[in-house]
Protein backbone atom coordinates (compact mmCIF):
# COMPACT_ATOMS: atom_id res chain seq x y z
CA UNK A 1 -5.54 16.79 -5.93
CA UNK A 2 -4.61 17.31 -2.31
CA UNK A 3 -1.51 15.39 -0.69
CA UNK A 4 -1.45 12.06 0.64
CA UNK A 5 -2.49 12.11 4.05
CA UNK A 6 -1.28 8.60 5.35
CA UNK A 7 -3.65 8.56 8.44
CA UNK A 8 -6.46 9.17 6.31
CA UNK A 9 -8.78 6.13 4.86
CA UNK A 10 -8.08 5.56 1.38
CA UNK A 11 -10.31 2.94 -1.51
CA UNK A 12 -10.29 2.05 -4.74
CA UNK A 13 -11.61 4.40 -6.82
CA UNK A 14 -14.71 2.98 -8.92
CA UNK A 15 -14.39 1.85 -12.13
CA UNK A 16 -10.85 0.76 -11.52
CA UNK A 17 -10.38 -2.68 -13.06
CA UNK A 18 -7.98 -5.48 -11.82
CA UNK A 19 -6.70 -8.10 -13.84
CA UNK A 20 -4.69 -11.10 -13.22
CA UNK A 21 -2.87 -12.83 -15.93
CA UNK A 22 -0.18 -15.84 -16.51
CA UNK A 23 0.74 -14.46 -12.94
CA UNK A 24 1.17 -10.74 -13.64
CA UNK A 25 -1.20 -8.63 -11.91
CA UNK A 26 -2.13 -4.99 -13.54
CA UNK A 27 -4.63 -2.10 -13.06
CA UNK A 28 -6.86 -0.82 -15.80
CA UNK A 29 -7.36 2.62 -15.68
CA UNK A 30 -10.51 4.57 -15.83
CA UNK A 31 -9.80 5.36 -19.22
CA UNK A 32 -9.57 1.70 -20.05
CA UNK A 33 -5.80 1.90 -21.68
CA UNK A 34 -3.34 2.84 -19.08
CA UNK A 35 -2.17 -0.50 -17.03
CA UNK A 36 -0.41 0.01 -13.77
CA UNK A 37 1.69 -3.29 -12.82
CA UNK A 38 1.71 -4.58 -9.75
CA UNK A 39 4.12 -6.68 -7.82
CA UNK A 40 3.27 -9.19 -4.77
CA UNK A 41 3.15 -6.13 -1.98
CA UNK A 42 1.37 -4.12 -4.38
CA UNK A 43 -0.93 -6.94 -5.49
CA UNK A 44 -1.51 -7.48 -1.38
CA UNK A 45 -1.94 -3.63 -1.26
CA UNK A 46 -4.72 -3.78 -3.25
CA UNK A 47 -6.49 -6.11 -2.08
CA UNK A 48 -6.64 -3.87 1.55
CA UNK A 49 -8.14 -1.32 -0.50
CA UNK A 50 -11.22 -3.58 -1.28
CA UNK A 51 -12.10 -1.37 2.37
CA UNK A 52 -11.41 1.81 3.49
CA UNK A 53 -7.56 2.32 4.99
CA UNK A 54 -4.63 4.23 6.17
CA UNK A 55 -1.31 4.39 4.16
CA UNK A 56 -0.58 3.09 8.05
CA UNK A 57 -2.71 0.61 8.82
CA UNK A 58 -1.72 -0.92 5.45
CA UNK A 59 1.88 -1.28 5.93
CA UNK A 60 1.31 -2.21 9.38
CA UNK A 61 -0.59 -5.44 7.87
CA UNK A 62 1.78 -6.00 5.13
CA UNK A 63 4.97 -5.72 7.60
CA UNK A 64 3.15 -9.03 9.34
CA UNK A 65 2.31 -10.44 5.68
CA UNK A 66 5.87 -9.95 4.74
CA UNK A 67 8.01 -10.37 8.02
CA UNK A 68 11.11 -11.00 6.67
CA UNK A 69 11.33 -6.83 4.98
CA UNK A 70 12.46 -4.62 7.30
CA UNK A 71 9.43 -2.09 8.29
CA UNK A 72 10.39 0.78 7.57
CA UNK A 73 11.21 -0.57 4.27
CA UNK A 74 7.24 -1.46 4.19
CA UNK A 75 6.37 1.38 5.71
CA UNK A 76 8.23 3.19 2.86
CA UNK A 77 6.95 1.04 -0.29
CA UNK A 78 3.51 1.67 1.78
CA UNK A 79 3.60 5.23 1.53
CA UNK A 80 5.13 5.55 -2.04
CA UNK A 81 2.62 3.21 -3.81
CA UNK A 82 -0.37 4.80 -2.22
CA UNK A 83 0.91 7.92 -3.40
CA UNK A 84 1.46 6.31 -7.00
CA UNK A 85 -2.55 5.01 -7.26
CA UNK A 86 -3.87 8.51 -6.25
CA UNK A 87 -1.77 10.01 -8.44
CA UNK A 88 -2.64 7.91 -11.02
CA UNK A 89 -6.26 7.84 -10.04
CA UNK A 90 -6.62 4.71 -9.02
CA UNK A 91 -7.18 5.18 -5.40
CA UNK A 92 -9.34 7.79 -3.75
CA UNK A 93 -9.70 9.76 0.09
CA UNK A 94 -13.31 8.34 1.91
CA UNK A 95 -14.99 10.93 2.58
């Protein structure tokens, strides 16, 4: 797996399921057994990943949605989440 490029476009990996139960949001991995819990920002990011988007662009959009949070924190958290999602095979690079 190549390192994450914050300028490259990523999207949801085919076959990953999104589940919302009692206010909690989870992704179910391709194996049908592994779970990945998403917080509020992670849930918003997952919705953005419906279409190809870069980590930098996603951070800008999330920064507008969560205006009370420092932009540097949003950027760092978004990049970290992209890396986790890529490592677990939940997102794929376009192309």
